Amino acid sequence: GLSKLQANYVQMGYNVGGILGSILMGVLLDKLRMSF
């Protein structure tokens, strides 16, 4: 039921999360136990 503009905001949220996550998870992989 979202409009095209609202759906674009959700898609942009996905990309913003991807930018943050791709950096953060690699840093954590080097700093913390891999299994954690």
ModelCIF file with pLDDT and N, C-alpha, C, O atoms, coordinates in Angstrom:
data_MODEL
#
_entry.id   MODEL 
#
_entity.id                         1 
_entity.type                       polymer 
_entity.pdbx_number_of_molecules   1 
#
_entity_poly.entity_id                      1 
_entity_poly.type                           'polypeptide(L)' 
_entity_poly.nstd_linkage                   no 
_entity_poly.nstd_monomer                   no 
_entity_poly.pdbx_seq_one_letter_code       GLSKLQANYVQMGYNVGGILGSILMGVLLDKLRMSF 
_entity_poly.pdbx_seq_one_letter_code_can   GLSKLQANYVQMGYNVGGILGSILMGVLLDKLRMSF 
_entity_poly.pdbx_strand_id                 A 
#
loop_
_entity_poly_seq.entity_id 
_entity_poly_seq.num 
_entity_poly_seq.mon_id 
_entity_poly_seq.hetero 
1 1  GLY n 
1 2  LEU n 
1 3  SER n 
1 4  LYS n 
1 5  LEU n 
1 6  GLN n 
1 7  ALA n 
1 8  ASN n 
1 9  TYR n 
1 10 VAL n 
1 11 GLN n 
1 12 MET n 
1 13 GLY n 
1 14 TYR n 
1 15 ASN n 
1 16 VAL n 
1 17 GLY n 
1 18 GLY n 
1 19 ILE n 
1 20 LEU n 
1 21 GLY n 
1 22 SER n 
1 23 ILE n 
1 24 LEU n 
1 25 MET n 
1 26 GLY n 
1 27 VAL n 
1 28 LEU n 
1 29 LEU n 
1 30 ASP n 
1 31 LYS n 
1 32 LEU n 
1 33 ARG n 
1 34 MET n 
1 35 SER n 
1 36 PHE n 
#
_struct_asym.id          A 
_struct_asym.entity_id   1 
#
loop_
_ma_qa_metric.id 
_ma_qa_metric.mode 
_ma_qa_metric.name 
_ma_qa_metric.software_group_id 
_ma_qa_metric.type 
1 global pLDDT . pLDDT 
2 local  pLDDT . pLDDT 
#
_ma_qa_metric_global.metric_id      1 
_ma_qa_metric_global.metric_value   83.89 
_ma_qa_metric_global.model_id       1 
_ma_qa_metric_global.ordinal_id     1 
#
loop_
_ma_qa_metric_local.label_asym_id 
_ma_qa_metric_local.label_comp_id 
_ma_qa_metric_local.label_seq_id 
_ma_qa_metric_local.metric_id 
_ma_qa_metric_local.metric_value 
_ma_qa_metric_local.model_id 
_ma_qa_metric_local.ordinal_id 
A GLY 1  2 78.00 1 1  
A LEU 2  2 79.00 1 2  
A SER 3  2 78.00 1 3  
A LYS 4  2 70.00 1 4  
A LEU 5  2 75.00 1 5  
A GLN 6  2 81.00 1 6  
A ALA 7  2 78.00 1 7  
A ASN 8  2 75.00 1 8  
A TYR 9  2 80.00 1 9  
A VAL 10 2 84.00 1 10 
A GLN 11 2 80.00 1 11 
A MET 12 2 82.00 1 12 
A GLY 13 2 87.00 1 13 
A TYR 14 2 87.00 1 14 
A ASN 15 2 83.00 1 15 
A VAL 16 2 88.00 1 16 
A GLY 17 2 91.00 1 17 
A GLY 18 2 87.00 1 18 
A ILE 19 2 87.00 1 19 
A LEU 20 2 90.00 1 20 
A GLY 21 2 90.00 1 21 
A SER 22 2 85.00 1 22 
A ILE 23 2 86.00 1 23 
A LEU 24 2 89.00 1 24 
A MET 25 2 87.00 1 25 
A GLY 26 2 82.00 1 26 
A VAL 27 2 85.00 1 27 
A LEU 28 2 88.00 1 28 
A LEU 29 2 83.00 1 29 
A ASP 30 2 83.00 1 30 
A LYS 31 2 86.00 1 31 
A LEU 32 2 85.00 1 32 
A ARG 33 2 87.00 1 33 
A MET 34 2 85.00 1 34 
A SER 35 2 88.00 1 35 
A PHE 36 2 91.00 1 36 
#
loop_
_atom_site.group_PDB 
_atom_site.id 
_atom_site.type_symbol 
_atom_site.label_atom_id 
_atom_site.label_alt_id 
_atom_site.label_comp_id 
_atom_site.label_asym_id 
_atom_site.label_entity_id 
_atom_site.label_seq_id 
_atom_site.pdbx_PDB_ins_code 
_atom_site.Cartn_x 
_atom_site.Cartn_y 
_atom_site.Cartn_z 
_atom_site.occupancy 
_atom_site.B_iso_or_equiv 
_atom_site.pdbx_formal_charge 
_atom_site.auth_seq_id 
_atom_site.auth_comp_id 
_atom_site.auth_asym_id 
_atom_site.auth_atom_id 
_atom_site.pdbx_PDB_model_num 
ATOM 1   N N  . GLY A 1 1  ? 0.779  -1.232  0.000  1.00 78.00 ? 1  GLY A N  1 
ATOM 2   C CA . GLY A 1 1  ? 0.000  0.000   0.000  1.00 78.00 ? 1  GLY A CA 1 
ATOM 3   C C  . GLY A 1 1  ? 0.808  1.277   0.000  1.00 78.00 ? 1  GLY A C  1 
ATOM 4   O O  . GLY A 1 1  ? 0.236  2.359   0.133  1.00 78.00 ? 1  GLY A O  1 
ATOM 5   N N  . LEU A 1 2  ? 2.135  1.188   -0.146 1.00 79.00 ? 2  LEU A N  1 
ATOM 6   C CA . LEU A 1 2  ? 2.959  2.389   -0.157 1.00 79.00 ? 2  LEU A CA 1 
ATOM 7   C C  . LEU A 1 2  ? 2.920  3.053   -1.532 1.00 79.00 ? 2  LEU A C  1 
ATOM 8   O O  . LEU A 1 2  ? 2.793  2.378   -2.554 1.00 79.00 ? 2  LEU A O  1 
ATOM 9   N N  . SER A 1 3  ? 3.031  4.373   -1.545 1.00 78.00 ? 3  SER A N  1 
ATOM 10  C CA . SER A 1 3  ? 3.138  5.095   -2.808 1.00 78.00 ? 3  SER A CA 1 
ATOM 11  C C  . SER A 1 3  ? 4.538  4.900   -3.386 1.00 78.00 ? 3  SER A C  1 
ATOM 12  O O  . SER A 1 3  ? 5.429  4.376   -2.717 1.00 78.00 ? 3  SER A O  1 
ATOM 13  N N  . LYS A 1 4  ? 4.722  5.333   -4.644 1.00 70.00 ? 4  LYS A N  1 
ATOM 14  C CA . LYS A 1 4  ? 6.032  5.189   -5.281 1.00 70.00 ? 4  LYS A CA 1 
ATOM 15  C C  . LYS A 1 4  ? 7.102  5.944   -4.508 1.00 70.00 ? 4  LYS A C  1 
ATOM 16  O O  . LYS A 1 4  ? 8.215  5.443   -4.347 1.00 70.00 ? 4  LYS A O  1 
ATOM 17  N N  . LEU A 1 5  ? 6.782  7.145   -4.026 1.00 75.00 ? 5  LEU A N  1 
ATOM 18  C CA . LEU A 1 5  ? 7.738  7.942   -3.258 1.00 75.00 ? 5  LEU A CA 1 
ATOM 19  C C  . LEU A 1 5  ? 8.090  7.257   -1.943 1.00 75.00 ? 5  LEU A C  1 
ATOM 20  O O  . LEU A 1 5  ? 9.256  7.211   -1.552 1.00 75.00 ? 5  LEU A O  1 
ATOM 21  N N  . GLN A 1 6  ? 7.066  6.721   -1.258 1.00 81.00 ? 6  GLN A N  1 
ATOM 22  C CA . GLN A 1 6  ? 7.317  6.026   0.004  1.00 81.00 ? 6  GLN A CA 1 
ATOM 23  C C  . GLN A 1 6  ? 8.166  4.776   -0.208 1.00 81.00 ? 6  GLN A C  1 
ATOM 24  O O  . GLN A 1 6  ? 9.055  4.483   0.591  1.00 81.00 ? 6  GLN A O  1 
ATOM 25  N N  . ALA A 1 7  ? 7.892  4.038   -1.285 1.00 78.00 ? 7  ALA A N  1 
ATOM 26  C CA . ALA A 1 7  ? 8.682  2.851   -1.606 1.00 78.00 ? 7  ALA A CA 1 
ATOM 27  C C  . ALA A 1 7  ? 10.136 3.222   -1.894 1.00 78.00 ? 7  ALA A C  1 
ATOM 28  O O  . ALA A 1 7  ? 11.050 2.477   -1.544 1.00 78.00 ? 7  ALA A O  1 
ATOM 29  N N  . ASN A 1 8  ? 10.351 4.391   -2.543 1.00 75.00 ? 8  ASN A N  1 
ATOM 30  C CA . ASN A 1 8  ? 11.714 4.857   -2.803 1.00 75.00 ? 8  ASN A CA 1 
ATOM 31  C C  . ASN A 1 8  ? 12.451 5.167   -1.507 1.00 75.00 ? 8  ASN A C  1 
ATOM 32  O O  . ASN A 1 8  ? 13.649 4.912   -1.392 1.00 75.00 ? 8  ASN A O  1 
ATOM 33  N N  . TYR A 1 9  ? 11.733 5.718   -0.530 1.00 80.00 ? 9  TYR A N  1 
ATOM 34  C CA . TYR A 1 9  ? 12.354 5.981   0.766  1.00 80.00 ? 9  TYR A CA 1 
ATOM 35  C C  . TYR A 1 9  ? 12.802 4.672   1.435  1.00 80.00 ? 9  TYR A C  1 
ATOM 36  O O  . TYR A 1 9  ? 13.875 4.608   2.033  1.00 80.00 ? 9  TYR A O  1 
ATOM 37  N N  . VAL A 1 10 ? 11.973 3.642   1.325  1.00 84.00 ? 10 VAL A N  1 
ATOM 38  C CA . VAL A 1 10 ? 12.334 2.343   1.883  1.00 84.00 ? 10 VAL A CA 1 
ATOM 39  C C  . VAL A 1 10 ? 13.565 1.779   1.170  1.00 84.00 ? 10 VAL A C  1 
ATOM 40  O O  . VAL A 1 10 ? 14.468 1.240   1.811  1.00 84.00 ? 10 VAL A O  1 
ATOM 41  N N  . GLN A 1 11 ? 13.596 1.907   -0.168 1.00 80.00 ? 11 GLN A N  1 
ATOM 42  C CA . GLN A 1 11 ? 14.743 1.429   -0.940 1.00 80.00 ? 11 GLN A CA 1 
ATOM 43  C C  . GLN A 1 11 ? 16.019 2.193   -0.566 1.00 80.00 ? 11 GLN A C  1 
ATOM 44  O O  . GLN A 1 11 ? 17.088 1.594   -0.444 1.00 80.00 ? 11 GLN A O  1 
ATOM 45  N N  . MET A 1 12 ? 15.910 3.494   -0.386 1.00 82.00 ? 12 MET A N  1 
ATOM 46  C CA . MET A 1 12 ? 17.071 4.290   0.014  1.00 82.00 ? 12 MET A CA 1 
ATOM 47  C C  . MET A 1 12 ? 17.544 3.894   1.411  1.00 82.00 ? 12 MET A C  1 
ATOM 48  O O  . MET A 1 12 ? 18.744 3.894   1.687  1.00 82.00 ? 12 MET A O  1 
ATOM 49  N N  . GLY A 1 13 ? 16.591 3.554   2.300  1.00 87.00 ? 13 GLY A N  1 
ATOM 50  C CA . GLY A 1 13 ? 16.969 3.067   3.624  1.00 87.00 ? 13 GLY A CA 1 
ATOM 51  C C  . GLY A 1 13 ? 17.781 1.788   3.544  1.00 87.00 ? 13 GLY A C  1 
ATOM 52  O O  . GLY A 1 13 ? 18.737 1.597   4.296  1.00 87.00 ? 13 GLY A O  1 
ATOM 53  N N  . TYR A 1 14 ? 17.392 0.919   2.628  1.00 87.00 ? 14 TYR A N  1 
ATOM 54  C CA . TYR A 1 14 ? 18.129 -0.335  2.408  1.00 87.00 ? 14 TYR A CA 1 
ATOM 55  C C  . TYR A 1 14 ? 19.566 -0.039  1.973  1.00 87.00 ? 14 TYR A C  1 
ATOM 56  O O  . TYR A 1 14 ? 20.504 -0.669  2.461  1.00 87.00 ? 14 TYR A O  1 
ATOM 57  N N  . ASN A 1 15 ? 19.742 0.924   1.049  1.00 83.00 ? 15 ASN A N  1 
ATOM 58  C CA . ASN A 1 15 ? 21.081 1.268   0.566  1.00 83.00 ? 15 ASN A CA 1 
ATOM 59  C C  . ASN A 1 15 ? 21.925 1.950   1.643  1.00 83.00 ? 15 ASN A C  1 
ATOM 60  O O  . ASN A 1 15 ? 23.120 1.679   1.764  1.00 83.00 ? 15 ASN A O  1 
ATOM 61  N N  . VAL A 1 16 ? 21.303 2.833   2.424  1.00 88.00 ? 16 VAL A N  1 
ATOM 62  C CA . VAL A 1 16 ? 22.031 3.498   3.508  1.00 88.00 ? 16 VAL A CA 1 
ATOM 63  C C  . VAL A 1 16 ? 22.494 2.464   4.534  1.00 88.00 ? 16 VAL A C  1 
ATOM 64  O O  . VAL A 1 16 ? 23.639 2.498   4.986  1.00 88.00 ? 16 VAL A O  1 
ATOM 65  N N  . GLY A 1 17 ? 21.597 1.545   4.899  1.00 91.00 ? 17 GLY A N  1 
ATOM 66  C CA . GLY A 1 17 ? 21.983 0.468   5.809  1.00 91.00 ? 17 GLY A CA 1 
ATOM 67  C C  . GLY A 1 17 ? 23.105 -0.376  5.246  1.00 91.00 ? 17 GLY A C  1 
ATOM 68  O O  . GLY A 1 17 ? 23.991 -0.811  5.982  1.00 91.00 ? 17 GLY A O  1 
ATOM 69  N N  . GLY A 1 18 ? 23.072 -0.613  3.922  1.00 87.00 ? 18 GLY A N  1 
ATOM 70  C CA . GLY A 1 18 ? 24.126 -1.389  3.274  1.00 87.00 ? 18 GLY A CA 1 
ATOM 71  C C  . GLY A 1 18 ? 25.481 -0.721  3.366  1.00 87.00 ? 18 GLY A C  1 
ATOM 72  O O  . GLY A 1 18 ? 26.486 -1.391  3.603  1.00 87.00 ? 18 GLY A O  1 
ATOM 73  N N  . ILE A 1 19 ? 25.524 0.604   3.181  1.00 87.00 ? 19 ILE A N  1 
ATOM 74  C CA . ILE A 1 19 ? 26.791 1.338   3.285  1.00 87.00 ? 19 ILE A CA 1 
ATOM 75  C C  . ILE A 1 19 ? 27.366 1.206   4.692  1.00 87.00 ? 19 ILE A C  1 
ATOM 76  O O  . ILE A 1 19 ? 28.547 0.906   4.868  1.00 87.00 ? 19 ILE A O  1 
ATOM 77  N N  . LEU A 1 20 ? 26.509 1.436   5.696  1.00 90.00 ? 20 LEU A N  1 
ATOM 78  C CA . LEU A 1 20 ? 26.967 1.356   7.088  1.00 90.00 ? 20 LEU A CA 1 
ATOM 79  C C  . LEU A 1 20 ? 27.386 -0.065  7.455  1.00 90.00 ? 20 LEU A C  1 
ATOM 80  O O  . LEU A 1 20 ? 28.416 -0.279  8.094  1.00 90.00 ? 20 LEU A O  1 
ATOM 81  N N  . GLY A 1 21 ? 26.569 -1.028  7.038  1.00 90.00 ? 21 GLY A N  1 
ATOM 82  C CA . GLY A 1 21 ? 26.835 -2.414  7.411  1.00 90.00 ? 21 GLY A CA 1 
ATOM 83  C C  . GLY A 1 21 ? 28.085 -2.974  6.767  1.00 90.00 ? 21 GLY A C  1 
ATOM 84  O O  . GLY A 1 21 ? 28.826 -3.726  7.399  1.00 90.00 ? 21 GLY A O  1 
ATOM 85  N N  . SER A 1 22 ? 28.331 -2.612  5.499  1.00 85.00 ? 22 SER A N  1 
ATOM 86  C CA . SER A 1 22 ? 29.488 -3.171  4.800  1.00 85.00 ? 22 SER A CA 1 
ATOM 87  C C  . SER A 1 22 ? 30.800 -2.735  5.441  1.00 85.00 ? 22 SER A C  1 
ATOM 88  O O  . SER A 1 22 ? 31.788 -3.466  5.385  1.00 85.00 ? 22 SER A O  1 
ATOM 89  N N  . ILE A 1 23 ? 30.820 -1.554  6.047  1.00 86.00 ? 23 ILE A N  1 
ATOM 90  C CA . ILE A 1 23 ? 32.020 -1.104  6.764  1.00 86.00 ? 23 ILE A CA 1 
ATOM 91  C C  . ILE A 1 23 ? 32.062 -1.708  8.165  1.00 86.00 ? 23 ILE A C  1 
ATOM 92  O O  . ILE A 1 23 ? 33.083 -2.250  8.589  1.00 86.00 ? 23 ILE A O  1 
ATOM 93  N N  . LEU A 1 24 ? 30.936 -1.607  8.881  1.00 89.00 ? 24 LEU A N  1 
ATOM 94  C CA . LEU A 1 24 ? 30.891 -2.021  10.282 1.00 89.00 ? 24 LEU A CA 1 
ATOM 95  C C  . LEU A 1 24 ? 31.208 -3.495  10.471 1.00 89.00 ? 24 LEU A C  1 
ATOM 96  O O  . LEU A 1 24 ? 31.987 -3.849  11.356 1.00 89.00 ? 24 LEU A O  1 
ATOM 97  N N  . MET A 1 25 ? 30.617 -4.361  9.652  1.00 87.00 ? 25 MET A N  1 
ATOM 98  C CA . MET A 1 25 ? 30.790 -5.800  9.860  1.00 87.00 ? 25 MET A CA 1 
ATOM 99  C C  . MET A 1 25 ? 32.222 -6.248  9.601  1.00 87.00 ? 25 MET A C  1 
ATOM 100 O O  . MET A 1 25 ? 32.726 -7.143  10.280 1.00 87.00 ? 25 MET A O  1 
ATOM 101 N N  . GLY A 1 26 ? 32.879 -5.634  8.624  1.00 82.00 ? 26 GLY A N  1 
ATOM 102 C CA . GLY A 1 26 ? 34.280 -5.970  8.376  1.00 82.00 ? 26 GLY A CA 1 
ATOM 103 C C  . GLY A 1 26 ? 35.178 -5.552  9.529  1.00 82.00 ? 26 GLY A C  1 
ATOM 104 O O  . GLY A 1 26 ? 36.098 -6.280  9.902  1.00 82.00 ? 26 GLY A O  1 
ATOM 105 N N  . VAL A 1 27 ? 34.906 -4.364  10.101 1.00 85.00 ? 27 VAL A N  1 
ATOM 106 C CA . VAL A 1 27 ? 35.681 -3.899  11.259 1.00 85.00 ? 27 VAL A CA 1 
ATOM 107 C C  . VAL A 1 27 ? 35.484 -4.852  12.436 1.00 85.00 ? 27 VAL A C  1 
ATOM 108 O O  . VAL A 1 27 ? 36.444 -5.224  13.111 1.00 85.00 ? 27 VAL A O  1 
ATOM 109 N N  . LEU A 1 28 ? 34.225 -5.247  12.677 1.00 88.00 ? 28 LEU A N  1 
ATOM 110 C CA . LEU A 1 28 ? 33.943 -6.176  13.776 1.00 88.00 ? 28 LEU A CA 1 
ATOM 111 C C  . LEU A 1 28 ? 34.609 -7.526  13.550 1.00 88.00 ? 28 LEU A C  1 
ATOM 112 O O  . LEU A 1 28 ? 35.051 -8.175  14.498 1.00 88.00 ? 28 LEU A O  1 
ATOM 113 N N  . LEU A 1 29 ? 34.680 -7.949  12.282 1.00 83.00 ? 29 LEU A N  1 
ATOM 114 C CA . LEU A 1 29 ? 35.301 -9.236  11.958 1.00 83.00 ? 29 LEU A CA 1 
ATOM 115 C C  . LEU A 1 29 ? 36.766 -9.253  12.365 1.00 83.00 ? 29 LEU A C  1 
ATOM 116 O O  . LEU A 1 29 ? 37.289 -10.290 12.773 1.00 83.00 ? 29 LEU A O  1 
ATOM 117 N N  . ASP A 1 30 ? 37.437 -8.091  12.251 1.00 83.00 ? 30 ASP A N  1 
ATOM 118 C CA . ASP A 1 30 ? 38.845 -7.989  12.649 1.00 83.00 ? 30 ASP A CA 1 
ATOM 119 C C  . ASP A 1 30 ? 39.016 -7.796  14.147 1.00 83.00 ? 30 ASP A C  1 
ATOM 120 O O  . ASP A 1 30 ? 40.040 -8.184  14.708 1.00 83.00 ? 30 ASP A O  1 
ATOM 121 N N  . LYS A 1 31 ? 38.014 -7.193  14.808 1.00 86.00 ? 31 LYS A N  1 
ATOM 122 C CA . LYS A 1 31 ? 38.153 -6.831  16.219 1.00 86.00 ? 31 LYS A CA 1 
ATOM 123 C C  . LYS A 1 31 ? 37.647 -7.912  17.171 1.00 86.00 ? 31 LYS A C  1 
ATOM 124 O O  . LYS A 1 31 ? 38.206 -8.096  18.252 1.00 86.00 ? 31 LYS A O  1 
ATOM 125 N N  . LEU A 1 32 ? 36.596 -8.626  16.777 1.00 85.00 ? 32 LEU A N  1 
ATOM 126 C CA . LEU A 1 32 ? 35.934 -9.580  17.668 1.00 85.00 ? 32 LEU A CA 1 
ATOM 127 C C  . LEU A 1 32 ? 36.089 -11.012 17.161 1.00 85.00 ? 32 LEU A C  1 
ATOM 128 O O  . LEU A 1 32 ? 36.591 -11.245 16.061 1.00 85.00 ? 32 LEU A O  1 
ATOM 129 N N  . ARG A 1 33 ? 35.655 -11.951 17.970 1.00 87.00 ? 33 ARG A N  1 
ATOM 130 C CA . ARG A 1 33 ? 35.695 -13.352 17.581 1.00 87.00 ? 33 ARG A CA 1 
ATOM 131 C C  . ARG A 1 33 ? 34.783 -13.579 16.377 1.00 87.00 ? 33 ARG A C  1 
ATOM 132 O O  . ARG A 1 33 ? 33.638 -13.129 16.369 1.00 87.00 ? 33 ARG A O  1 
ATOM 133 N N  . MET A 1 34 ? 35.291 -14.275 15.364 1.00 85.00 ? 34 MET A N  1 
ATOM 134 C CA . MET A 1 34 ? 34.547 -14.421 14.112 1.00 85.00 ? 34 MET A CA 1 
ATOM 135 C C  . MET A 1 34 ? 33.192 -15.077 14.325 1.00 85.00 ? 34 MET A C  1 
ATOM 136 O O  . MET A 1 34 ? 32.208 -14.661 13.713 1.00 85.00 ? 34 MET A O  1 
ATOM 137 N N  . SER A 1 35 ? 33.119 -16.086 15.173 1.00 88.00 ? 35 SER A N  1 
ATOM 138 C CA . SER A 1 35 ? 31.851 -16.782 15.384 1.00 88.00 ? 35 SER A CA 1 
ATOM 139 C C  . SER A 1 35 ? 30.806 -15.839 15.980 1.00 88.00 ? 35 SER A C  1 
ATOM 140 O O  . SER A 1 35 ? 29.624 -15.940 15.648 1.00 88.00 ? 35 SER A O  1 
ATOM 141 N N  . PHE A 1 36 ? 31.232 -14.917 16.862 1.00 91.00 ? 36 PHE A N  1 
ATOM 142 C CA . PHE A 1 36 ? 30.303 -13.946 17.446 1.00 91.00 ? 36 PHE A CA 1 
ATOM 143 C C  . PHE A 1 36 ? 29.768 -13.010 16.365 1.00 91.00 ? 36 PHE A C  1 
ATOM 144 O O  . PHE A 1 36 ? 28.969 -12.120 16.659 1.00 91.00 ? 36 PHE A O  1 
#
